[in-house]
């Protein structure tokens, strides 16, 4: 299976995201779990909707270790969210697609 199938992210984007988290001091290598594996654990759980136990079987770490790094990476993703997730236009404006849509059951005045 490929990185895209397992983590819903291609390899280049995965490496770029991990490097960005390291550059911003959001993640660092643990004693036994490196940054790439930490990110892989979190994305695996998010992409697959799997449990800590499933990730534990896949990555060969205890469920408590999986939980620890899942939350650590999730906190890092939240810290990056303001920089990565941005609206492309003013949120007070209504999209022309919505305004001109005849499929919407609302009357826009």
PDB file of N, CA and C in Angstrom:
ATOM      1  N   UNK A   1       0.838  -1.189   0.000  1.00  0.00           N
ATOM      2  CA  UNK A   1       0.000   0.000   0.000  1.00  0.00           C
ATOM      3  C   UNK A   1       0.879   1.246   0.000  1.00  0.00           C
ATOM      4  N   UNK A   2       0.367   2.279  -0.592  1.00  0.00           N
ATOM      5  CA  UNK A   2       1.131   3.518  -0.693  1.00  0.00           C
ATOM      6  C   UNK A   2       0.825   4.452   0.477  1.00  0.00           C
ATOM      7  N   UNK A   3       1.666   5.459   0.606  1.00  0.00           N
ATOM      8  CA  UNK A   3       1.481   6.486   1.631  1.00  0.00           C
ATOM      9  C   UNK A   3       0.119   7.160   1.451  1.00  0.00           C
ATOM     10  N   UNK A   4      -0.241   7.432   0.201  1.00  0.00           N
ATOM     11  CA  UNK A   4      -1.515   8.097  -0.088  1.00  0.00           C
ATOM     12  C   UNK A   4      -2.700   7.239   0.363  1.00  0.00           C
ATOM     13  N   UNK A   5      -2.617   5.947   0.178  1.00  0.00           N
ATOM     14  CA  UNK A   5      -3.704   5.049   0.577  1.00  0.00           C
ATOM     15  C   UNK A   5      -3.796   4.925   2.099  1.00  0.00           C
ATOM     16  N   UNK A   6      -2.662   4.876   2.770  1.00  0.00           N
ATOM     17  CA  UNK A   6      -2.641   4.677   4.215  1.00  0.00           C
ATOM     18  C   UNK A   6      -2.904   5.954   5.000  1.00  0.00           C
ATOM     19  N   UNK A   7      -2.361   7.078   4.533  1.00  0.00           N
ATOM     20  CA  UNK A   7      -2.393   8.313   5.322  1.00  0.00           C
ATOM     21  C   UNK A   7      -3.172   9.439   4.665  1.00  0.00           C
ATOM     22  N   UNK A   8      -3.665   9.199   3.450  1.00  0.00           N
ATOM     23  CA  UNK A   8      -4.414  10.210   2.692  1.00  0.00           C
ATOM     24  C   UNK A   8      -3.555  11.434   2.377  1.00  0.00           C
ATOM     25  N   UNK A   9      -2.263  11.212   2.193  1.00  0.00           N
ATOM     26  CA  UNK A   9      -1.313  12.285   1.923  1.00  0.00           C
ATOM     27  C   UNK A   9      -0.191  11.680   1.103  1.00  0.00           C
ATOM     28  N   UNK A  10       0.201  12.363   0.008  1.00  0.00           N
ATOM     29  CA  UNK A  10       1.306  11.794  -0.758  1.00  0.00           C
ATOM     30  C   UNK A  10       2.619  11.967  -0.004  1.00  0.00           C
ATOM     31  N   UNK A  11       3.628  11.231  -0.422  1.00  0.00           N
ATOM     32  CA  UNK A  11       4.895  11.167   0.308  1.00  0.00           C
ATOM     33  C   UNK A  11       5.545  12.539   0.450  1.00  0.00           C
ATOM     34  N   UNK A  12       5.563  13.322  -0.630  1.00  0.00           N
ATOM     35  CA  UNK A  12       6.202  14.645  -0.586  1.00  0.00           C
ATOM     36  C   UNK A  12       5.511  15.578   0.406  1.00  0.00           C
ATOM     37  N   UNK A  13       4.199  15.554   0.435  1.00  0.00           N
ATOM     38  CA  UNK A  13       3.452  16.397   1.372  1.00  0.00           C
ATOM     39  C   UNK A  13       3.658  15.921   2.810  1.00  0.00           C
ATOM     40  N   UNK A  14       3.747  14.612   2.997  1.00  0.00           N
ATOM     41  CA  UNK A  14       3.998  14.048   4.312  1.00  0.00           C
ATOM     42  C   UNK A  14       5.351  14.531   4.843  1.00  0.00           C
ATOM     43  N   UNK A  15       6.382  14.433   4.013  1.00  0.00           N
ATOM     44  CA  UNK A  15       7.723  14.862   4.414  1.00  0.00           C
ATOM     45  C   UNK A  15       7.744  16.369   4.672  1.00  0.00           C
ATOM     46  N   UNK A  16       7.087  17.150   3.811  1.00  0.00           N
ATOM     47  CA  UNK A  16       7.041  18.604   3.995  1.00  0.00           C
ATOM     48  C   UNK A  16       6.332  18.975   5.298  1.00  0.00           C
ATOM     49  N   UNK A  17       5.245  18.295   5.609  1.00  0.00           N
ATOM     50  CA  UNK A  17       4.508  18.568   6.845  1.00  0.00           C
ATOM     51  C   UNK A  17       5.350  18.218   8.067  1.00  0.00           C
ATOM     52  N   UNK A  18       6.004  17.071   8.027  1.00  0.00           N
ATOM     53  CA  UNK A  18       6.864  16.671   9.149  1.00  0.00           C
ATOM     54  C   UNK A  18       7.998  17.676   9.334  1.00  0.00           C
ATOM     55  N   UNK A  19       8.630  18.076   8.245  1.00  0.00           N
ATOM     56  CA  UNK A  19       9.728  19.048   8.331  1.00  0.00           C
ATOM     57  C   UNK A  19       9.250  20.394   8.852  1.00  0.00           C
ATOM     58  N   UNK A  20       8.075  20.820   8.438  1.00  0.00           N
ATOM     59  CA  UNK A  20       7.514  22.083   8.920  1.00  0.00           C
ATOM     60  C   UNK A  20       7.278  22.022  10.430  1.00  0.00           C
ATOM     61  N   UNK A  21       6.764  20.910  10.904  1.00  0.00           N
ATOM     62  CA  UNK A  21       6.517  20.753  12.337  1.00  0.00           C
ATOM     63  C   UNK A  21       7.827  20.769  13.132  1.00  0.00           C
ATOM     64  N   UNK A  22       8.865  20.218  12.577  1.00  0.00           N
ATOM     65  CA  UNK A  22      10.170  20.237  13.241  1.00  0.00           C
ATOM     66  C   UNK A  22      10.742  21.655  13.223  1.00  0.00           C
ATOM     67  N   UNK A  23      10.671  22.320  12.063  1.00  0.00           N
ATOM     68  CA  UNK A  23      11.190  23.693  11.931  1.00  0.00           C
ATOM     69  C   UNK A  23      10.514  24.648  12.912  1.00  0.00           C
ATOM     70  N   UNK A  24       9.235  24.451  13.130  1.00  0.00           N
ATOM     71  CA  UNK A  24       8.481  25.326  14.034  1.00  0.00           C
ATOM     72  C   UNK A  24       8.530  24.857  15.489  1.00  0.00           C
ATOM     73  N   UNK A  25       9.340  23.861  15.758  1.00  0.00           N
ATOM     74  CA  UNK A  25       9.494  23.293  17.108  1.00  0.00           C
ATOM     75  C   UNK A  25       8.183  22.783  17.693  1.00  0.00           C
ATOM     76  N   UNK A  26       7.337  22.249  16.839  1.00  0.00           N
ATOM     77  CA  UNK A  26       6.072  21.683  17.291  1.00  0.00           C
ATOM     78  C   UNK A  26       6.222  20.194  17.608  1.00  0.00           C
ATOM     79  N   UNK A  27       7.169  19.540  16.942  1.00  0.00           N
ATOM     80  CA  UNK A  27       7.454  18.129  17.182  1.00  0.00           C
ATOM     81  C   UNK A  27       8.957  17.916  17.219  1.00  0.00           C
ATOM     82  N   UNK A  28       9.353  16.919  17.976  1.00  0.00           N
ATOM     83  CA  UNK A  28      10.761  16.506  17.991  1.00  0.00           C
ATOM     84  C   UNK A  28      10.799  14.998  18.185  1.00  0.00           C
ATOM     85  N   UNK A  29      11.917  14.404  17.812  1.00  0.00           N
ATOM     86  CA  UNK A  29      12.068  12.962  17.972  1.00  0.00           C
ATOM     87  C   UNK A  29      11.944  12.583  19.438  1.00  0.00           C
ATOM     88  N   UNK A  30      11.208  11.524  19.688  1.00  0.00           N
ATOM     89  CA  UNK A  30      11.135  10.963  21.030  1.00  0.00           C
ATOM     90  C   UNK A  30      12.252   9.958  21.217  1.00  0.00           C
ATOM     91  N   UNK A  31      12.293   9.371  22.365  1.00  0.00           N
ATOM     92  CA  UNK A  31      13.351   8.402  22.644  1.00  0.00           C
ATOM     93  C   UNK A  31      13.281   7.204  21.693  1.00  0.00           C
ATOM     94  N   UNK A  32      12.081   6.716  21.440  1.00  0.00           N
ATOM     95  CA  UNK A  32      11.905   5.544  20.586  1.00  0.00           C
ATOM     96  C   UNK A  32      11.071   5.817  19.333  1.00  0.00           C
ATOM     97  N   UNK A  33      10.409   6.965  19.280  1.00  0.00           N
ATOM     98  CA  UNK A  33       9.504   7.255  18.170  1.00  0.00           C
ATOM     99  C   UNK A  33       9.942   8.558  17.500  1.00  0.00           C
ATOM    100  N   UNK A  34      10.385   8.452  16.261  1.00  0.00           N
ATOM    101  CA  UNK A  34      10.849   9.611  15.495  1.00  0.00           C
ATOM    102  C   UNK A  34       9.660  10.408  14.968  1.00  0.00           C
ATOM    103  N   UNK A  35       9.922  11.643  14.551  1.00  0.00           N
ATOM    104  CA  UNK A  35       8.867  12.559  14.099  1.00  0.00           C
ATOM    105  C   UNK A  35       8.040  11.957  12.968  1.00  0.00           C
ATOM    106  N   UNK A  36       8.702  11.342  11.994  1.00  0.00           N
ATOM    107  CA  UNK A  36       7.952  10.776  10.867  1.00  0.00           C
ATOM    108  C   UNK A  36       6.978   9.695  11.325  1.00  0.00           C
ATOM    109  N   UNK A  37       7.392   8.890  12.271  1.00  0.00           N
ATOM    110  CA  UNK A  37       6.496   7.855  12.781  1.00  0.00           C
ATOM    111  C   UNK A  37       5.378   8.469  13.616  1.00  0.00           C
ATOM    112  N   UNK A  38       5.680   9.499  14.398  1.00  0.00           N
ATOM    113  CA  UNK A  38       4.647  10.190  15.182  1.00  0.00           C
ATOM    114  C   UNK A  38       3.559  10.724  14.258  1.00  0.00           C
ATOM    115  N   UNK A  39       3.983  11.405  13.186  1.00  0.00           N
ATOM    116  CA  UNK A  39       3.024  11.953  12.227  1.00  0.00           C
ATOM    117  C   UNK A  39       2.262  10.825  11.534  1.00  0.00           C
ATOM    118  N   UNK A  40       2.964   9.768  11.183  1.00  0.00           N
ATOM    119  CA  UNK A  40       2.310   8.618  10.550  1.00  0.00           C
ATOM    120  C   UNK A  40       1.247   7.997  11.433  1.00  0.00           C
ATOM    121  N   UNK A  41       1.542   7.878  12.719  1.00  0.00           N
ATOM    122  CA  UNK A  41       0.571   7.330  13.671  1.00  0.00           C
ATOM    123  C   UNK A  41      -0.701   8.171  13.682  1.00  0.00           C
ATOM    124  N   UNK A  42      -0.526   9.471  13.805  1.00  0.00           N
ATOM    125  CA  UNK A  42      -1.685  10.367  13.879  1.00  0.00           C
ATOM    126  C   UNK A  42      -2.490  10.340  12.585  1.00  0.00           C
ATOM    127  N   UNK A  43      -1.807  10.466  11.448  1.00  0.00           N
ATOM    128  CA  UNK A  43      -2.520  10.469  10.168  1.00  0.00           C
ATOM    129  C   UNK A  43      -3.175   9.123   9.893  1.00  0.00           C
ATOM    130  N   UNK A  44      -2.553   8.040  10.313  1.00  0.00           N
ATOM    131  CA  UNK A  44      -3.141   6.704  10.150  1.00  0.00           C
ATOM    132  C   UNK A  44      -4.473   6.621  10.890  1.00  0.00           C
ATOM    133  N   UNK A  45      -4.486   7.093  12.123  1.00  0.00           N
ATOM    134  CA  UNK A  45      -5.713   7.061  12.928  1.00  0.00           C
ATOM    135  C   UNK A  45      -6.773   7.967  12.312  1.00  0.00           C
ATOM    136  N   UNK A  46      -6.378   9.170  11.913  1.00  0.00           N
ATOM    137  CA  UNK A  46      -7.341  10.103  11.329  1.00  0.00           C
ATOM    138  C   UNK A  46      -7.862   9.619   9.980  1.00  0.00           C
ATOM    139  N   UNK A  47      -6.975   9.094   9.138  1.00  0.00           N
ATOM    140  CA  UNK A  47      -7.368   8.664   7.792  1.00  0.00           C
ATOM    141  C   UNK A  47      -8.232   7.416   7.809  1.00  0.00           C
ATOM    142  N   UNK A  48      -7.906   6.499   8.688  1.00  0.00           N
ATOM    143  CA  UNK A  48      -8.609   5.221   8.711  1.00  0.00           C
ATOM    144  C   UNK A  48      -9.766   5.179   9.702  1.00  0.00           C
ATOM    145  N   UNK A  49      -9.778   6.122  10.643  1.00  0.00           N
ATOM    146  CA  UNK A  49     -10.784   6.069  11.693  1.00  0.00           C
ATOM    147  C   UNK A  49     -10.548   4.884  12.610  1.00  0.00           C
ATOM    148  N   UNK A  50      -9.306   4.471  12.702  1.00  0.00           N
ATOM    149  CA  UNK A  50      -8.970   3.304  13.511  1.00  0.00           C
ATOM    150  C   UNK A  50      -8.766   3.683  14.973  1.00  0.00           C
ATOM    151  N   UNK A  51      -8.738   2.665  15.809  1.00  0.00           N
ATOM    152  CA  UNK A  51      -8.552   2.853  17.239  1.00  0.00           C
ATOM    153  C   UNK A  51      -7.061   2.879  17.577  1.00  0.00           C
ATOM    154  N   UNK A  52      -6.769   3.253  18.822  1.00  0.00           N
ATOM    155  CA  UNK A  52      -5.384   3.203  19.289  1.00  0.00           C
ATOM    156  C   UNK A  52      -4.865   1.766  19.221  1.00  0.00           C
ATOM    157  N   UNK A  53      -5.721   0.823  19.514  1.00  0.00           N
ATOM    158  CA  UNK A  53      -5.301  -0.577  19.476  1.00  0.00           C
ATOM    159  C   UNK A  53      -4.920  -0.991  18.053  1.00  0.00           C
ATOM    160  N   UNK A  54      -5.715  -0.582  17.062  1.00  0.00           N
ATOM    161  CA  UNK A  54      -5.385  -0.892  15.666  1.00  0.00           C
ATOM    162  C   UNK A  54      -4.042  -0.267  15.283  1.00  0.00           C
ATOM    163  N   UNK A  55      -3.847   0.985  15.673  1.00  0.00           N
ATOM    164  CA  UNK A  55      -2.578   1.657  15.389  1.00  0.00           C
ATOM    165  C   UNK A  55      -1.437   0.998  16.156  1.00  0.00           C
ATOM    166  N   UNK A  56      -1.723   0.532  17.362  1.00  0.00           N
ATOM    167  CA  UNK A  56      -0.732  -0.167  18.168  1.00  0.00           C
ATOM    168  C   UNK A  56      -0.257  -1.431  17.458  1.00  0.00           C
ATOM    169  N   UNK A  57      -1.183  -2.181  16.894  1.00  0.00           N
ATOM    170  CA  UNK A  57      -0.831  -3.389  16.144  1.00  0.00           C
ATOM    171  C   UNK A  57      -0.007  -3.047  14.901  1.00  0.00           C
ATOM    172  N   UNK A  58      -0.384  -1.971  14.241  1.00  0.00           N
ATOM    173  CA  UNK A  58       0.292  -1.571  12.991  1.00  0.00           C
ATOM    174  C   UNK A  58       1.697  -1.041  13.240  1.00  0.00           C
ATOM    175  N   UNK A  59       1.856  -0.201  14.275  1.00  0.00           N
ATOM    176  CA  UNK A  59       3.132   0.477  14.517  1.00  0.00           C
ATOM    177  C   UNK A  59       3.991  -0.203  15.591  1.00  0.00           C
ATOM    178  N   UNK A  60       3.456  -1.226  16.217  1.00  0.00           N
ATOM    179  CA  UNK A  60       4.201  -2.011  17.216  1.00  0.00           C
ATOM    180  C   UNK A  60       4.661  -1.194  18.418  1.00  0.00           C
ATOM    181  N   UNK A  61       3.752  -0.349  18.917  1.00  0.00           N
ATOM    182  CA  UNK A  61       3.961   0.395  20.164  1.00  0.00           C
ATOM    183  C   UNK A  61       2.748   0.145  21.048  1.00  0.00           C
ATOM    184  N   UNK A  62       2.884   0.399  22.338  1.00  0.00           N
ATOM    185  CA  UNK A  62       1.764   0.203  23.253  1.00  0.00           C
ATOM    186  C   UNK A  62       0.654   1.214  22.956  1.00  0.00           C
ATOM    187  N   UNK A  63      -0.584   0.877  23.284  1.00  0.00           N
ATOM    188  CA  UNK A  63      -1.679   1.833  23.089  1.00  0.00           C
ATOM    189  C   UNK A  63      -1.438   3.165  23.805  1.00  0.00           C
ATOM    190  N   UNK A  64      -0.788   3.151  24.975  1.00  0.00           N
ATOM    191  CA  UNK A  64      -0.519   4.414  25.679  1.00  0.00           C
ATOM    192  C   UNK A  64       0.488   5.270  24.915  1.00  0.00           C
ATOM    193  N   UNK A  65       1.476   4.638  24.280  1.00  0.00           N
ATOM    194  CA  UNK A  65       2.436   5.380  23.450  1.00  0.00           C
ATOM    195  C   UNK A  65       1.731   5.958  22.233  1.00  0.00           C
ATOM    196  N   UNK A  66       0.881   5.168  21.614  1.00  0.00           N
ATOM    197  CA  UNK A  66       0.111   5.630  20.450  1.00  0.00           C
ATOM    198  C   UNK A  66      -0.740   6.835  20.848  1.00  0.00           C
ATOM    199  N   UNK A  67      -1.424   6.738  21.967  1.00  0.00           N
ATOM    200  CA  UNK A  67      -2.268   7.831  22.462  1.00  0.00           C
ATOM    201  C   UNK A  67      -1.442   9.087  22.705  1.00  0.00           C
ATOM    202  N   UNK A  68      -0.303   8.924  23.340  1.00  0.00           N
ATOM    203  CA  UNK A  68       0.572  10.066  23.650  1.00  0.00           C
ATOM    204  C   UNK A  68       0.975  10.802  22.378  1.00  0.00           C
ATOM    205  N   UNK A  69       1.464  10.070  21.374  1.00  0.00           N
ATOM    206  CA  UNK A  69       1.939  10.724  20.150  1.00  0.00           C
ATOM    207  C   UNK A  69       0.788  11.201  19.272  1.00  0.00           C
ATOM    208  N   UNK A  70      -0.344  10.528  19.309  1.00  0.00           N
ATOM    209  CA  UNK A  70      -1.509  11.008  18.570  1.00  0.00           C
ATOM    210  C   UNK A  70      -1.882  12.412  19.060  1.00  0.00           C
ATOM    211  N   UNK A  71      -1.964  12.579  20.363  1.00  0.00           N
ATOM    212  CA  UNK A  71      -2.335  13.884  20.917  1.00  0.00           C
ATOM    213  C   UNK A  71      -1.249  14.937  20.711  1.00  0.00           C
ATOM    214  N   UNK A  72      -0.006  14.512  20.760  1.00  0.00           N
ATOM    215  CA  UNK A  72       1.105  15.431  20.520  1.00  0.00           C
ATOM    216  C   UNK A  72       1.054  15.982  19.090  1.00  0.00           C
ATOM    217  N   UNK A  73       0.836  15.103  18.121  1.00  0.00           N
ATOM    218  CA  UNK A  73       0.758  15.538  16.721  1.00  0.00           C
ATOM    219  C   UNK A  73      -0.524  16.330  16.481  1.00  0.00           C
ATOM    220  N   UNK A  74      -1.610  15.928  17.086  1.00  0.00           N
ATOM    221  CA  UNK A  74      -2.863  16.662  16.942  1.00  0.00           C
ATOM    222  C   UNK A  74      -2.704  18.097  17.445  1.00  0.00           C
ATOM    223  N   UNK A  75      -2.034  18.283  18.573  1.00  0.00           N
ATOM    224  CA  UNK A  75      -1.752  19.632  19.079  1.00  0.00           C
ATOM    225  C   UNK A  75      -0.901  20.424  18.089  1.00  0.00           C
ATOM    226  N   UNK A  76       0.066  19.756  17.464  1.00  0.00           N
ATOM    227  CA  UNK A  76       0.900  20.424  16.468  1.00  0.00           C
ATOM    228  C   UNK A  76       0.073  20.828  15.246  1.00  0.00           C
ATOM    229  N   UNK A  77      -0.830  19.964  14.815  1.00  0.00           N
ATOM    230  CA  UNK A  77      -1.704  20.291  13.681  1.00  0.00           C
ATOM    231  C   UNK A  77      -2.601  21.480  14.012  1.00  0.00           C
ATOM    232  N   UNK A  78      -3.099  21.510  15.229  1.00  0.00           N
ATOM    233  CA  UNK A  78      -3.938  22.637  15.653  1.00  0.00           C
ATOM    234  C   UNK A  78      -3.125  23.929  15.649  1.00  0.00           C
ATOM    235  N   UNK A  79      -1.884  23.865  16.112  1.00  0.00           N
ATOM    236  CA  UNK A  79      -1.022  25.043  16.114  1.00  0.00           C
ATOM    237  C   UNK A  79      -0.751  25.541  14.695  1.00  0.00           C
ATOM    238  N   UNK A  80      -0.673  24.636  13.733  1.00  0.00           N
ATOM    239  CA  UNK A  80      -0.437  25.017  12.343  1.00  0.00           C
ATOM    240  C   UNK A  80      -1.714  25.436  11.621  1.00  0.00           C
ATOM    241  N   UNK A  81      -2.852  25.120  12.170  1.00  0.00           N
ATOM    242  CA  UNK A  81      -4.106  25.322  11.446  1.00  0.00           C
ATOM    243  C   UNK A  81      -4.346  26.772  11.041  1.00  0.00           C
ATOM    244  N   UNK A  82      -3.933  27.717  11.837  1.00  0.00           N
ATOM    245  CA  UNK A  82      -4.134  29.132  11.488  1.00  0.00           C
ATOM    246  C   UNK A  82      -3.296  29.528  10.280  1.00  0.00           C
ATOM    247  N   UNK A  83      -2.167  28.882  10.091  1.00  0.00           N
ATOM    248  CA  UNK A  83      -1.315  29.185   8.944  1.00  0.00           C
ATOM    249  C   UNK A  83      -1.705  28.403   7.705  1.00  0.00           C
ATOM    250  N   UNK A  84      -2.233  27.208   7.901  1.00  0.00           N
ATOM    251  CA  UNK A  84      -2.519  26.323   6.773  1.00  0.00           C
ATOM    252  C   UNK A  84      -3.950  26.454   6.284  1.00  0.00           C
ATOM    253  N   UNK A  85      -4.898  26.580   7.198  1.00  0.00           N
ATOM    254  CA  UNK A  85      -6.312  26.640   6.821  1.00  0.00           C
ATOM    255  C   UNK A  85      -6.766  28.090   6.886  1.00  0.00           C
ATOM    256  N   UNK A  86      -6.964  28.658   5.715  1.00  0.00           N
ATOM    257  CA  UNK A  86      -7.410  30.038   5.646  1.00  0.00           C
ATOM    258  C   UNK A  86      -8.525  30.155   4.605  1.00  0.00           C
ATOM    259  N   UNK A  87      -9.526  30.954   4.900  1.00  0.00           N
ATOM    260  CA  UNK A  87     -10.553  31.183   3.873  1.00  0.00           C
ATOM    261  C   UNK A  87      -9.943  31.980   2.724  1.00  0.00           C
ATOM    262  N   UNK A  88     -10.380  31.712   1.521  1.00  0.00           N
ATOM    263  CA  UNK A  88      -9.819  32.409   0.371  1.00  0.00           C
ATOM    264  C   UNK A  88     -10.541  33.724   0.066  1.00  0.00           C
ATOM    265  N   UNK A  89     -11.582  34.013   0.805  1.00  0.00           N
ATOM    266  CA  UNK A  89     -12.284  35.290   0.627  1.00  0.00           C
ATOM    267  C   UNK A  89     -12.936  35.699   1.934  1.00  0.00           C
ATOM    268  N   UNK A  90     -13.495  36.869   1.944  1.00  0.00           N
ATOM    269  CA  UNK A  90     -14.152  37.409   3.119  1.00  0.00           C
ATOM    270  C   UNK A  90     -15.347  36.535   3.482  1.00  0.00           C
ATOM    271  N   UNK A  91     -15.406  36.112   4.733  1.00  0.00           N
ATOM    272  CA  UNK A  91     -16.490  35.219   5.156  1.00  0.00           C
ATOM    273  C   UNK A  91     -17.845  35.917   5.253  1.00  0.00           C
ATOM    274  N   UNK A  92     -17.866  37.236   5.199  1.00  0.00           N
ATOM    275  CA  UNK A  92     -19.146  37.946   5.253  1.00  0.00           C
ATOM    276  C   UNK A  92     -19.807  38.000   3.875  1.00  0.00           C
ATOM    277  N   UNK A  93     -19.053  37.706   2.820  1.00  0.00           N
ATOM    278  CA  UNK A  93     -19.614  37.685   1.470  1.00  0.00           C
ATOM    279  C   UNK A  93     -20.184  36.311   1.167  1.00  0.00           C
ATOM    280  N   UNK A  94     -21.259  36.289   0.407  1.00  0.00           N
ATOM    281  CA  UNK A  94     -21.847  35.025   0.006  1.00  0.00           C
ATOM    282  C   UNK A  94     -21.271  34.634  -1.351  1.00  0.00           C
ATOM    283  N   UNK A  95     -20.933  33.382  -1.490  1.00  0.00           N
ATOM    284  CA  UNK A  95     -20.365  32.857  -2.719  1.00  0.00           C
ATOM    285  C   UNK A  95     -21.328  33.068  -3.882  1.00  0.00           C
ATOM    286  N   UNK A  96     -20.810  33.497  -5.055  1.00  0.00           N
ATOM    287  CA  UNK A  96     -21.684  33.656  -6.226  1.00  0.00           C
ATOM    288  C   UNK A  96     -22.388  32.354  -6.611  1.00  0.00           C
ATOM    289  N   UNK A  97     -21.727  31.216  -6.376  1.00  0.00           N
ATOM    290  CA  UNK A  97     -22.340  29.928  -6.685  1.00  0.00           C
ATOM    291  C   UNK A  97     -23.599  29.709  -5.848  1.00  0.00           C
ATOM    292  N   UNK A  98     -23.550  30.162  -4.591  1.00  0.00           N
ATOM    293  CA  UNK A  98     -24.708  30.018  -3.709  1.00  0.00           C
ATOM    294  C   UNK A  98     -25.792  31.018  -4.094  1.00  0.00           C
ATOM    295  N   UNK A  99     -25.394  32.250  -4.345  1.00  0.00           N
ATOM    296  CA  UNK A  99     -26.360  33.292  -4.697  1.00  0.00           C
ATOM    297  C   UNK A  99     -27.113  32.933  -5.969  1.00  0.00           C
ATOM    298  N   UNK A 100     -26.421  32.407  -6.957  1.00  0.00           N
ATOM    299  CA  UNK A 100     -27.019  32.116  -8.273  1.00  0.00           C
ATOM    300  C   UNK A 100     -27.594  30.712  -8.386  1.00  0.00           C
ATOM    301  N   UNK A 101     -27.535  29.922  -7.317  1.00  0.00           N
ATOM    302  CA  UNK A 101     -28.004  28.546  -7.389  1.00  0.00           C
ATOM    303  C   UNK A 101     -29.525  28.480  -7.318  1.00  0.00           C
ATOM    304  N   UNK A 102     -30.082  27.710  -8.211  1.00  0.00           N
ATOM    305  CA  UNK A 102     -31.542  27.497  -8.189  1.00  0.00           C
ATOM    306  C   UNK A 102     -31.892  26.245  -7.388  1.00  0.00           C
ATOM    307  N   UNK A 103     -30.881  25.527  -6.899  1.00  0.00           N
ATOM    308  CA  UNK A 103     -31.127  24.288  -6.153  1.00  0.00           C
ATOM    309  C   UNK A 103     -31.312  24.522  -4.667  1.00  0.00           C
ATOM    310  N   UNK A 104     -31.125  25.727  -4.227  1.00  0.00           N
ATOM    311  CA  UNK A 104     -31.230  26.009  -2.799  1.00  0.00           C
ATOM    312  C   UNK A 104     -32.680  26.366  -2.483  1.00  0.00           C
ATOM    313  N   UNK A 105     -33.184  25.796  -1.411  1.00  0.00           N
ATOM    314  CA  UNK A 105     -34.567  25.994  -1.034  1.00  0.00           C
ATOM    315  C   UNK A 105     -34.807  27.285  -0.260  1.00  0.00           C
ATOM    316  N   UNK A 106     -33.851  28.192  -0.266  1.00  0.00           N
ATOM    317  CA  UNK A 106     -33.993  29.456   0.449  1.00  0.00           C
ATOM    318  C   UNK A 106     -34.192  30.588  -0.541  1.00  0.00           C
ATOM    319  N   UNK A 107     -34.910  31.567  -0.139  1.00  0.00           N
ATOM    320  CA  UNK A 107     -35.051  32.765  -0.948  1.00  0.00           C
ATOM    321  C   UNK A 107     -34.044  33.789  -0.425  1.00  0.00           C
ATOM    322  N   UNK A 108     -33.159  34.230  -1.306  1.00  0.00           N
ATOM    323  CA  UNK A 108     -32.154  35.210  -0.929  1.00  0.00           C
ATOM    324  C   UNK A 108     -32.652  36.587  -1.301  1.00  0.00           C
ATOM    325  N   UNK A 109     -32.704  37.484  -0.345  1.00  0.00           N
ATOM    326  CA  UNK A 109     -33.193  38.841  -0.607  1.00  0.00           C
ATOM    327  C   UNK A 109     -32.127  39.844  -0.377  1.00  0.00           C
TER     328      UNK A 109
END
